[in-house]
Amino acid sequence: VPRHYQLEIYPHLDDGTFDGTAVIQIEVQEPCQSIVLNSVHLTFHEAT
C-alpha cells in the first residue's frame, strides 16, 4: 500500500516525452516478491 509519493517529472514537450523519479513510501502488508503498479505509457529504467 502506498503511503506517500514524491514525484519529479521533467516533460520534453518538443518530442512528446518525459522522464523522472518517483520515491514512494510504502507499507508491505503481506510478504511478497513483487510490487504491481499502474504504468500506462511508462518505462521503468531502474527500481530499488
All heavy atoms as atom14 arrays in JSON, in Angstrom:
{
  "sequence": "VPRHYQLEIYPHLDDGTFDGTAVIQIEVQEPCQSIVLNSVHLTFHEAT",
  "atom14_mask": [
    [1, 1, 1, 1, 1, 1, 1, 0, 0, 0, 0, 0, 0, 0],
    [1, 1, 1, 1, 1, 1, 1, 0, 0, 0, 0, 0, 0, 0],
    [1, 1, 1, 1, 1, 1, 1, 1, 1, 1, 1, 0, 0, 0],
    [1, 1, 1, 1, 1, 1, 1, 1, 1, 1, 0, 0, 0, 0],
    [1, 1, 1, 1, 1, 1, 1, 1, 1, 1, 1, 1, 0, 0],
    [1, 1, 1, 1, 1, 1, 1, 1, 1, 0, 0, 0, 0, 0],
    [1, 1, 1, 1, 1, 1, 1, 1, 0, 0, 0, 0, 0, 0],
    [1, 1, 1, 1, 1, 1, 1, 1, 1, 0, 0, 0, 0, 0],
    [1, 1, 1, 1, 1, 1, 1, 1, 0, 0, 0, 0, 0, 0],
    [1, 1, 1, 1, 1, 1, 1, 1, 1, 1, 1, 1, 0, 0],
    [1, 1, 1, 1, 1, 1, 1, 0, 0, 0, 0, 0, 0, 0],
    [1, 1, 1, 1, 1, 1, 1, 1, 1, 1, 0, 0, 0, 0],
    [1, 1, 1, 1, 1, 1, 1, 1, 0, 0, 0, 0, 0, 0],
    [1, 1, 1, 1, 1, 1, 1, 1, 0, 0, 0, 0, 0, 0],
    [1, 1, 1, 1, 1, 1, 1, 1, 0, 0, 0, 0, 0, 0],
    [1, 1, 1, 1, 0, 0, 0, 0, 0, 0, 0, 0, 0, 0],
    [1, 1, 1, 1, 1, 1, 1, 0, 0, 0, 0, 0, 0, 0],
    [1, 1, 1, 1, 1, 1, 1, 1, 1, 1, 1, 0, 0, 0],
    [1, 1, 1, 1, 1, 1, 1, 1, 0, 0, 0, 0, 0, 0],
    [1, 1, 1, 1, 0, 0, 0, 0, 0, 0, 0, 0, 0, 0],
    [1, 1, 1, 1, 1, 1, 1, 0, 0, 0, 0, 0, 0, 0],
    [1, 1, 1, 1, 1, 0, 0, 0, 0, 0, 0, 0, 0, 0],
    [1, 1, 1, 1, 1, 1, 1, 0, 0, 0, 0, 0, 0, 0],
    [1, 1, 1, 1, 1, 1, 1, 1, 0, 0, 0, 0, 0, 0],
    [1, 1, 1, 1, 1, 1, 1, 1, 1, 0, 0, 0, 0, 0],
    [1, 1, 1, 1, 1, 1, 1, 1, 0, 0, 0, 0, 0, 0],
    [1, 1, 1, 1, 1, 1, 1, 1, 1, 0, 0, 0, 0, 0],
    [1, 1, 1, 1, 1, 1, 1, 0, 0, 0, 0, 0, 0, 0],
    [1, 1, 1, 1, 1, 1, 1, 1, 1, 0, 0, 0, 0, 0],
    [1, 1, 1, 1, 1, 1, 1, 1, 1, 0, 0, 0, 0, 0],
    [1, 1, 1, 1, 1, 1, 1, 0, 0, 0, 0, 0, 0, 0],
    [1, 1, 1, 1, 1, 1, 0, 0, 0, 0, 0, 0, 0, 0],
    [1, 1, 1, 1, 1, 1, 1, 1, 1, 0, 0, 0, 0, 0],
    [1, 1, 1, 1, 1, 1, 0, 0, 0, 0, 0, 0, 0, 0],
    [1, 1, 1, 1, 1, 1, 1, 1, 0, 0, 0, 0, 0, 0],
    [1, 1, 1, 1, 1, 1, 1, 0, 0, 0, 0, 0, 0, 0],
    [1, 1, 1, 1, 1, 1, 1, 1, 0, 0, 0, 0, 0, 0],
    [1, 1, 1, 1, 1, 1, 1, 1, 0, 0, 0, 0, 0, 0],
    [1, 1, 1, 1, 1, 1, 0, 0, 0, 0, 0, 0, 0, 0],
    [1, 1, 1, 1, 1, 1, 1, 0, 0, 0, 0, 0, 0, 0],
    [1, 1, 1, 1, 1, 1, 1, 1, 1, 1, 0, 0, 0, 0],
    [1, 1, 1, 1, 1, 1, 1, 1, 0, 0, 0, 0, 0, 0],
    [1, 1, 1, 1, 1, 1, 1, 0, 0, 0, 0, 0, 0, 0],
    [1, 1, 1, 1, 1, 1, 1, 1, 1, 1, 1, 0, 0, 0],
    [1, 1, 1, 1, 1, 1, 1, 1, 1, 1, 0, 0, 0, 0],
    [1, 1, 1, 1, 1, 1, 1, 1, 1, 0, 0, 0, 0, 0],
    [1, 1, 1, 1, 1, 0, 0, 0, 0, 0, 0, 0, 0, 0],
    [1, 1, 1, 1, 1, 1, 1, 0, 0, 0, 0, 0, 0, 0]
  ],
  "atom14_positions": [
    [[0.85, -1.19, 0.0], [0.0, 0.0, 0.0], [0.89, 1.25, 0.0], [1.78, 1.37, 0.85], [-0.92, 0.01, 1.24], [-1.76, 1.28, 1.3], [-1.81, -1.23, 1.25], [0.0, 0.0, 0.0], [0.0, 0.0, 0.0], [0.0, 0.0, 0.0], [0.0, 0.0, 0.0], [0.0, 0.0, 0.0], [0.0, 0.0, 0.0], [0.0, 0.0, 0.0]],
    [[0.68, 2.16, -0.95], [1.46, 3.4, -0.94], [0.99, 4.31, 0.19], [-0.19, 4.4, 0.48], [1.16, 4.03, -2.31], [-0.18, 3.48, -2.68], [-0.27, 2.12, -2.06], [0.0, 0.0, 0.0], [0.0, 0.0, 0.0], [0.0, 0.0, 0.0], [0.0, 0.0, 0.0], [0.0, 0.0, 0.0], [0.0, 0.0, 0.0], [0.0, 0.0, 0.0]],
    [[1.96, 5.0, 0.82], [1.63, 5.93, 1.9], [1.95, 7.37, 1.52], [1.28, 8.29, 1.97], [2.39, 5.56, 3.18], [2.04, 4.2, 3.73], [0.61, 4.18, 4.21], [0.31, 2.88, 4.81], [-0.9, 2.39, 4.87], [-1.91, 3.05, 4.39], [-1.11, 1.23, 5.42], [0.0, 0.0, 0.0], [0.0, 0.0, 0.0], [0.0, 0.0, 0.0]],
    [[2.98, 7.58, 0.7], [3.37, 8.93, 0.31], [4.18, 8.87, -0.98], [5.03, 8.0, -1.13], [4.2, 9.57, 1.41], [4.59, 10.99, 1.13], [5.77, 11.34, 0.53], [3.92, 12.15, 1.35], [5.82, 12.65, 0.39], [4.71, 13.16, 0.89], [0.0, 0.0, 0.0], [0.0, 0.0, 0.0], [0.0, 0.0, 0.0], [0.0, 0.0, 0.0]],
    [[3.88, 9.8, -1.9], [4.6, 9.88, -3.18], [5.4, 11.18, -3.23], [4.88, 12.24, -2.89], [3.62, 9.93, -4.36], [2.84, 8.67, -4.61], [1.64, 8.43, -3.95], [3.29, 7.74, -5.53], [0.91, 7.29, -4.2], [2.57, 6.59, -5.78], [1.38, 6.37, -5.12], [0.65, 5.25, -5.36], [0.0, 0.0, 0.0], [0.0, 0.0, 0.0]],
    [[6.63, 11.09, -3.68], [7.42, 12.27, -4.02], [7.82, 12.09, -5.48], [8.59, 11.18, -5.82], [8.67, 12.35, -3.13], [9.54, 13.54, -3.45], [10.76, 13.57, -2.55], [10.73, 13.16, -1.39], [11.85, 14.06, -3.1], [0.0, 0.0, 0.0], [0.0, 0.0, 0.0], [0.0, 0.0, 0.0], [0.0, 0.0, 0.0], [0.0, 0.0, 0.0]],
    [[7.28, 12.95, -6.35], [7.47, 12.79, -7.79], [8.28, 13.94, -8.37], [8.05, 15.09, -8.03], [6.12, 12.73, -8.51], [5.16, 11.65, -8.06], [3.83, 11.82, -8.79], [5.73, 10.28, -8.29], [0.0, 0.0, 0.0], [0.0, 0.0, 0.0], [0.0, 0.0, 0.0], [0.0, 0.0, 0.0], [0.0, 0.0, 0.0], [0.0, 0.0, 0.0]],
    [[9.19, 13.61, -9.25], [9.87, 14.58, -10.09], [9.54, 14.2, -11.52], [9.75, 13.05, -11.92], [11.38, 14.52, -9.88], [11.83, 14.94, -8.52], [13.33, 14.82, -8.33], [14.06, 14.62, -9.32], [13.78, 14.94, -7.18], [0.0, 0.0, 0.0], [0.0, 0.0, 0.0], [0.0, 0.0, 0.0], [0.0, 0.0, 0.0], [0.0, 0.0, 0.0]],
    [[9.0, 15.15, -12.27], [8.61, 14.9, -13.66], [9.21, 15.99, -14.53], [9.02, 17.18, -14.24], [7.08, 14.89, -13.83], [6.45, 13.84, -12.9], [6.71, 14.61, -15.28], [4.94, 13.88, -12.86], [0.0, 0.0, 0.0], [0.0, 0.0, 0.0], [0.0, 0.0, 0.0], [0.0, 0.0, 0.0], [0.0, 0.0, 0.0], [0.0, 0.0, 0.0]],
    [[9.92, 15.58, -15.57], [10.57, 16.51, -16.48], [9.99, 16.31, -17.88], [10.4, 15.39, -18.59], [12.09, 16.3, -16.48], [12.68, 16.44, -15.1], [12.95, 15.32, -14.33], [12.91, 17.69, -14.56], [13.46, 15.45, -13.05], [13.42, 17.83, -13.28], [13.7, 16.7, -12.53], [14.2, 16.83, -11.26], [0.0, 0.0, 0.0], [0.0, 0.0, 0.0]],
    [[9.02, 17.14, -18.28], [8.44, 16.99, -19.62], [9.36, 17.54, -20.7], [10.06, 18.53, -20.49], [7.14, 17.81, -19.53], [7.36, 18.78, -18.43], [8.35, 18.16, -17.49], [0.0, 0.0, 0.0], [0.0, 0.0, 0.0], [0.0, 0.0, 0.0], [0.0, 0.0, 0.0], [0.0, 0.0, 0.0], [0.0, 0.0, 0.0], [0.0, 0.0, 0.0]],
    [[9.37, 16.86, -21.83], [10.1, 17.29, -23.02], [9.03, 17.48, -24.12], [8.74, 16.56, -24.88], [11.14, 16.25, -23.43], [12.0, 15.83, -22.27], [12.97, 16.64, -21.72], [12.02, 14.68, -21.54], [13.56, 16.02, -20.72], [12.99, 14.83, -20.58], [0.0, 0.0, 0.0], [0.0, 0.0, 0.0], [0.0, 0.0, 0.0], [0.0, 0.0, 0.0]],
    [[8.43, 18.67, -24.12], [7.27, 18.91, -24.98], [7.6, 18.8, -26.46], [6.75, 18.38, -27.25], [6.66, 20.28, -24.66], [6.12, 20.45, -23.25], [5.58, 21.86, -23.04], [5.06, 19.42, -22.94], [0.0, 0.0, 0.0], [0.0, 0.0, 0.0], [0.0, 0.0, 0.0], [0.0, 0.0, 0.0], [0.0, 0.0, 0.0], [0.0, 0.0, 0.0]],
    [[8.82, 19.15, -26.84], [9.18, 19.12, -28.26], [9.1, 17.72, -28.85], [8.68, 17.56, -30.01], [10.58, 19.7, -28.49], [10.64, 21.19, -28.21], [9.56, 21.84, -28.21], [11.75, 21.7, -27.99], [0.0, 0.0, 0.0], [0.0, 0.0, 0.0], [0.0, 0.0, 0.0], [0.0, 0.0, 0.0], [0.0, 0.0, 0.0], [0.0, 0.0, 0.0]],
    [[9.52, 16.71, -28.09], [9.46, 15.35, -28.64], [8.37, 14.49, -28.01], [8.28, 13.3, -28.28], [10.82, 14.67, -28.56], [11.28, 14.36, -27.15], [10.56, 14.7, -26.19], [12.38, 13.79, -27.01], [0.0, 0.0, 0.0], [0.0, 0.0, 0.0], [0.0, 0.0, 0.0], [0.0, 0.0, 0.0], [0.0, 0.0, 0.0], [0.0, 0.0, 0.0]],
    [[7.54, 15.08, -27.15], [6.4, 14.35, -26.6], [6.76, 13.27, -25.61], [6.08, 12.25, -25.51], [0.0, 0.0, 0.0], [0.0, 0.0, 0.0], [0.0, 0.0, 0.0], [0.0, 0.0, 0.0], [0.0, 0.0, 0.0], [0.0, 0.0, 0.0], [0.0, 0.0, 0.0], [0.0, 0.0, 0.0], [0.0, 0.0, 0.0], [0.0, 0.0, 0.0]],
    [[7.84, 13.48, -24.84], [8.25, 12.51, -23.85], [8.44, 13.18, -22.49], [8.37, 14.41, -22.38], [9.57, 11.82, -24.24], [10.62, 12.79, -24.27], [9.46, 11.12, -25.6], [0.0, 0.0, 0.0], [0.0, 0.0, 0.0], [0.0, 0.0, 0.0], [0.0, 0.0, 0.0], [0.0, 0.0, 0.0], [0.0, 0.0, 0.0], [0.0, 0.0, 0.0]],
    [[8.69, 12.38, -21.48], [9.04, 12.9, -20.16], [9.87, 11.86, -19.45], [9.9, 10.69, -19.83], [7.8, 13.27, -19.34], [6.88, 12.13, -19.03], [7.0, 11.41, -17.84], [5.87, 11.77, -19.92], [6.14, 10.36, -17.56], [5.01, 10.71, -19.64], [5.15, 10.01, -18.46], [0.0, 0.0, 0.0], [0.0, 0.0, 0.0], [0.0, 0.0, 0.0]],
    [[10.58, 12.29, -18.42], [11.28, 11.35, -17.56], [11.21, 11.88, -16.13], [10.79, 13.01, -15.91], [12.73, 11.1, -18.01], [13.54, 12.36, -18.11], [13.72, 13.05, -17.1], [14.03, 12.66, -19.22], [0.0, 0.0, 0.0], [0.0, 0.0, 0.0], [0.0, 0.0, 0.0], [0.0, 0.0, 0.0], [0.0, 0.0, 0.0], [0.0, 0.0, 0.0]],
    [[11.59, 11.04, -15.2], [11.52, 11.48, -13.82], [11.88, 10.4, -12.84], [12.35, 9.32, -13.2], [0.0, 0.0, 0.0], [0.0, 0.0, 0.0], [0.0, 0.0, 0.0], [0.0, 0.0, 0.0], [0.0, 0.0, 0.0], [0.0, 0.0, 0.0], [0.0, 0.0, 0.0], [0.0, 0.0, 0.0], [0.0, 0.0, 0.0], [0.0, 0.0, 0.0]],
    [[11.62, 10.72, -11.59], [11.88, 9.81, -10.47], [10.68, 9.84, -9.53], [10.13, 10.91, -9.26], [13.15, 10.27, -9.7], [14.25, 10.32, -10.6], [13.47, 9.31, -8.56], [0.0, 0.0, 0.0], [0.0, 0.0, 0.0], [0.0, 0.0, 0.0], [0.0, 0.0, 0.0], [0.0, 0.0, 0.0], [0.0, 0.0, 0.0], [0.0, 0.0, 0.0]],
    [[10.32, 8.69, -9.04], [9.28, 8.56, -8.02], [9.9, 7.92, -6.79], [10.55, 6.87, -6.89], [8.12, 7.71, -8.53], [0.0, 0.0, 0.0], [0.0, 0.0, 0.0], [0.0, 0.0, 0.0], [0.0, 0.0, 0.0], [0.0, 0.0, 0.0], [0.0, 0.0, 0.0], [0.0, 0.0, 0.0], [0.0, 0.0, 0.0], [0.0, 0.0, 0.0]],
    [[9.73, 8.55, -5.64], [10.13, 7.96, -4.36], [8.82, 7.72, -3.61], [8.1, 8.67, -3.29], [11.07, 8.89, -3.58], [11.43, 8.28, -2.23], [12.32, 9.21, -4.39], [0.0, 0.0, 0.0], [0.0, 0.0, 0.0], [0.0, 0.0, 0.0], [0.0, 0.0, 0.0], [0.0, 0.0, 0.0], [0.0, 0.0, 0.0], [0.0, 0.0, 0.0]],
    [[8.51, 6.46, -3.37], [7.21, 6.09, -2.81], [7.42, 5.4, -1.46], [8.08, 4.35, -1.4], [6.44, 5.15, -3.76], [6.4, 5.74, -5.18], [5.04, 4.88, -3.22], [5.93, 4.75, -6.23], [0.0, 0.0, 0.0], [0.0, 0.0, 0.0], [0.0, 0.0, 0.0], [0.0, 0.0, 0.0], [0.0, 0.0, 0.0], [0.0, 0.0, 0.0]],
    [[6.89, 5.98, -0.42], [6.89, 5.32, 0.88], [5.73, 4.33, 0.86], [4.59, 4.71, 0.58], [6.74, 6.34, 2.0], [7.91, 7.27, 2.11], [7.7, 8.34, 3.17], [6.87, 8.2, 4.06], [8.46, 9.41, 3.07], [0.0, 0.0, 0.0], [0.0, 0.0, 0.0], [0.0, 0.0, 0.0], [0.0, 0.0, 0.0], [0.0, 0.0, 0.0]],
    [[6.06, 3.07, 1.12], [5.04, 2.02, 1.04], [4.97, 1.27, 2.37], [5.86, 1.36, 3.2], [5.35, 1.03, -0.1], [6.7, 0.34, 0.12], [5.3, 1.71, -1.45], [7.01, -0.78, -0.85], [0.0, 0.0, 0.0], [0.0, 0.0, 0.0], [0.0, 0.0, 0.0], [0.0, 0.0, 0.0], [0.0, 0.0, 0.0], [0.0, 0.0, 0.0]],
    [[3.9, 0.52, 2.51], [3.72, -0.39, 3.64], [3.46, -1.77, 3.03], [2.47, -1.95, 2.31], [2.54, 0.06, 4.5], [2.34, -0.73, 5.75], [3.33, -0.35, 6.85], [3.82, 0.8, 6.86], [3.6, -1.21, 7.7], [0.0, 0.0, 0.0], [0.0, 0.0, 0.0], [0.0, 0.0, 0.0], [0.0, 0.0, 0.0], [0.0, 0.0, 0.0]],
    [[4.36, -2.71, 3.28], [4.17, -4.07, 2.8], [3.23, -4.77, 3.79], [3.56, -4.93, 4.96], [5.52, -4.82, 2.68], [5.3, -6.24, 2.18], [6.48, -4.06, 1.76], [0.0, 0.0, 0.0], [0.0, 0.0, 0.0], [0.0, 0.0, 0.0], [0.0, 0.0, 0.0], [0.0, 0.0, 0.0], [0.0, 0.0, 0.0], [0.0, 0.0, 0.0]],
    [[2.04, -5.13, 3.31], [1.01, -5.72, 4.16], [1.18, -7.23, 4.33], [0.81, -7.78, 5.36], [-0.38, -5.46, 3.56], [-0.7, -3.99, 3.37], [-0.91, -3.27, 4.68], [-1.63, -3.74, 5.55], [-0.28, -2.13, 4.84], [0.0, 0.0, 0.0], [0.0, 0.0, 0.0], [0.0, 0.0, 0.0], [0.0, 0.0, 0.0], [0.0, 0.0, 0.0]],
    [[1.72, -7.88, 3.27], [1.94, -9.32, 3.28], [3.28, -9.59, 2.64], [3.64, -8.91, 1.67], [0.86, -10.04, 2.47], [-0.55, -9.87, 2.96], [-1.56, -10.49, 2.0], [-1.22, -11.46, 1.29], [-2.69, -9.98, 1.95], [0.0, 0.0, 0.0], [0.0, 0.0, 0.0], [0.0, 0.0, 0.0], [0.0, 0.0, 0.0], [0.0, 0.0, 0.0]],
    [[4.04, -10.58, 3.11], [5.31, -10.89, 2.45], [5.06, -11.17, 0.96], [4.07, -11.81, 0.59], [5.79, -12.15, 3.17], [5.12, -12.09, 4.51], [3.79, -11.45, 4.26], [0.0, 0.0, 0.0], [0.0, 0.0, 0.0], [0.0, 0.0, 0.0], [0.0, 0.0, 0.0], [0.0, 0.0, 0.0], [0.0, 0.0, 0.0], [0.0, 0.0, 0.0]],
    [[5.93, -10.63, 0.1], [5.77, -10.8, -1.34], [7.13, -10.6, -2.01], [8.07, -10.12, -1.39], [4.74, -9.83, -1.89], [5.15, -8.1, -1.6], [0.0, 0.0, 0.0], [0.0, 0.0, 0.0], [0.0, 0.0, 0.0], [0.0, 0.0, 0.0], [0.0, 0.0, 0.0], [0.0, 0.0, 0.0], [0.0, 0.0, 0.0], [0.0, 0.0, 0.0]],
    [[7.21, -10.96, -3.29], [8.45, -10.77, -4.04], [8.27, -9.81, -5.2], [9.21, -9.59, -5.95], [8.99, -12.11, -4.55], [10.07, -12.64, -3.64], [10.74, -13.86, -4.2], [10.24, -14.96, -4.04], [11.88, -13.65, -4.83], [0.0, 0.0, 0.0], [0.0, 0.0, 0.0], [0.0, 0.0, 0.0], [0.0, 0.0, 0.0], [0.0, 0.0, 0.0]],
    [[7.08, -9.24, -5.35], [6.88, -8.26, -6.42], [5.88, -7.21, -5.99], [5.06, -7.43, -5.1], [6.43, -8.94, -7.71], [5.14, -9.48, -7.55], [0.0, 0.0, 0.0], [0.0, 0.0, 0.0], [0.0, 0.0, 0.0], [0.0, 0.0, 0.0], [0.0, 0.0, 0.0], [0.0, 0.0, 0.0], [0.0, 0.0, 0.0], [0.0, 0.0, 0.0]],
    [[5.98, -6.06, -6.65], [5.09, -4.93, -6.41], [4.46, -4.57, -7.74], [5.17, -4.35, -8.73], [5.85, -3.73, -5.83], [6.47, -4.09, -4.48], [4.93, -2.52, -5.71], [7.37, -3.02, -3.91], [0.0, 0.0, 0.0], [0.0, 0.0, 0.0], [0.0, 0.0, 0.0], [0.0, 0.0, 0.0], [0.0, 0.0, 0.0], [0.0, 0.0, 0.0]],
    [[3.13, -4.52, -7.79], [2.41, -4.19, -9.01], [2.01, -2.72, -8.96], [1.5, -2.23, -7.96], [1.16, -5.08, -9.18], [0.41, -4.73, -10.45], [1.57, -6.56, -9.19], [0.0, 0.0, 0.0], [0.0, 0.0, 0.0], [0.0, 0.0, 0.0], [0.0, 0.0, 0.0], [0.0, 0.0, 0.0], [0.0, 0.0, 0.0], [0.0, 0.0, 0.0]],
    [[2.26, -2.01, -10.08], [1.97, -0.58, -10.19], [1.21, -0.29, -11.48], [1.36, -1.02, -12.47], [3.28, 0.22, -10.25], [4.24, 0.03, -9.09], [5.64, 0.38, -9.52], [3.81, 0.92, -7.96], [0.0, 0.0, 0.0], [0.0, 0.0, 0.0], [0.0, 0.0, 0.0], [0.0, 0.0, 0.0], [0.0, 0.0, 0.0], [0.0, 0.0, 0.0]],
    [[0.44, 0.78, -11.49], [-0.13, 1.27, -12.74], [1.01, 1.86, -13.57], [1.9, 2.51, -13.03], [-1.21, 2.31, -12.48], [-2.42, 1.69, -11.84], [-2.89, 0.64, -12.26], [-2.94, 2.33, -10.81], [0.0, 0.0, 0.0], [0.0, 0.0, 0.0], [0.0, 0.0, 0.0], [0.0, 0.0, 0.0], [0.0, 0.0, 0.0], [0.0, 0.0, 0.0]],
    [[0.98, 1.65, -14.88], [2.13, 2.08, -15.69], [1.76, 2.43, -17.13], [2.49, 2.11, -18.05], [3.2, 0.99, -15.69], [2.72, -0.17, -16.34], [0.0, 0.0, 0.0], [0.0, 0.0, 0.0], [0.0, 0.0, 0.0], [0.0, 0.0, 0.0], [0.0, 0.0, 0.0], [0.0, 0.0, 0.0], [0.0, 0.0, 0.0], [0.0, 0.0, 0.0]],
    [[0.65, 3.1, -17.33], [0.28, 3.46, -18.69], [1.32, 4.4, -19.28], [1.73, 5.39, -18.67], [-1.15, 4.06, -18.75], [-1.25, 5.39, -18.04], [-1.63, 4.17, -20.18], [0.0, 0.0, 0.0], [0.0, 0.0, 0.0], [0.0, 0.0, 0.0], [0.0, 0.0, 0.0], [0.0, 0.0, 0.0], [0.0, 0.0, 0.0], [0.0, 0.0, 0.0]],
    [[1.83, 4.06, -20.45], [2.82, 4.85, -21.2], [4.14, 5.03, -20.46], [4.85, 6.0, -20.7], [2.27, 6.22, -21.58], [0.99, 6.2, -22.35], [0.82, 5.5, -23.51], [-0.2, 6.79, -22.1], [-0.41, 5.66, -23.95], [-1.05, 6.44, -23.11], [0.0, 0.0, 0.0], [0.0, 0.0, 0.0], [0.0, 0.0, 0.0], [0.0, 0.0, 0.0]],
    [[4.5, 4.13, -19.52], [5.73, 4.28, -18.75], [6.71, 3.15, -19.03], [6.32, 2.02, -19.28], [5.45, 4.29, -17.25], [4.67, 5.45, -16.69], [4.42, 5.25, -15.2], [5.42, 6.75, -16.92], [0.0, 0.0, 0.0], [0.0, 0.0, 0.0], [0.0, 0.0, 0.0], [0.0, 0.0, 0.0], [0.0, 0.0, 0.0], [0.0, 0.0, 0.0]],
    [[7.99, 3.48, -18.94], [9.08, 2.51, -18.96], [9.92, 2.76, -17.72], [10.33, 3.89, -17.48], [9.96, 2.69, -20.22], [9.14, 2.5, -21.38], [11.1, 1.68, -20.24], [0.0, 0.0, 0.0], [0.0, 0.0, 0.0], [0.0, 0.0, 0.0], [0.0, 0.0, 0.0], [0.0, 0.0, 0.0], [0.0, 0.0, 0.0], [0.0, 0.0, 0.0]],
    [[10.17, 1.73, -16.95], [10.98, 1.86, -15.74], [12.43, 1.55, -16.09], [12.74, 0.48, -16.61], [10.5, 0.91, -14.65], [9.08, 1.16, -14.21], [8.26, 0.13, -13.84], [8.57, 2.45, -14.16], [6.96, 0.36, -13.42], [7.27, 2.69, -13.75], [6.46, 1.64, -13.37], [0.0, 0.0, 0.0], [0.0, 0.0, 0.0], [0.0, 0.0, 0.0]],
    [[13.33, 2.5, -15.81], [14.76, 2.31, -16.08], [15.46, 1.66, -14.9], [16.42, 0.91, -15.07], [15.43, 3.65, -16.39], [14.97, 4.24, -17.67], [15.08, 3.61, -18.88], [14.36, 5.42, -17.93], [14.58, 4.38, -19.83], [14.13, 5.48, -19.27], [0.0, 0.0, 0.0], [0.0, 0.0, 0.0], [0.0, 0.0, 0.0], [0.0, 0.0, 0.0]],
    [[15.03, 1.99, -13.71], [15.67, 1.46, -12.5], [14.65, 1.47, -11.38], [13.89, 2.43, -11.23], [16.85, 2.35, -12.13], [17.61, 1.91, -10.9], [18.79, 2.85, -10.62], [18.54, 4.03, -10.32], [19.93, 2.38, -10.73], [0.0, 0.0, 0.0], [0.0, 0.0, 0.0], [0.0, 0.0, 0.0], [0.0, 0.0, 0.0], [0.0, 0.0, 0.0]],
    [[14.62, 0.39, -10.61], [13.73, 0.32, -9.45], [14.52, -0.28, -8.29], [15.14, -1.34, -8.43], [12.52, -0.55, -9.76], [0.0, 0.0, 0.0], [0.0, 0.0, 0.0], [0.0, 0.0, 0.0], [0.0, 0.0, 0.0], [0.0, 0.0, 0.0], [0.0, 0.0, 0.0], [0.0, 0.0, 0.0], [0.0, 0.0, 0.0], [0.0, 0.0, 0.0]],
    [[14.53, 0.42, -7.17], [15.21, -0.07, -5.97], [14.28, 0.04, -4.79], [13.39, 0.89, -4.75], [16.5, 0.74, -5.68], [16.17, 2.11, -5.53], [17.52, 0.57, -6.79], [0.0, 0.0, 0.0], [0.0, 0.0, 0.0], [0.0, 0.0, 0.0], [0.0, 0.0, 0.0], [0.0, 0.0, 0.0], [0.0, 0.0, 0.0], [0.0, 0.0, 0.0]]
  ]
}
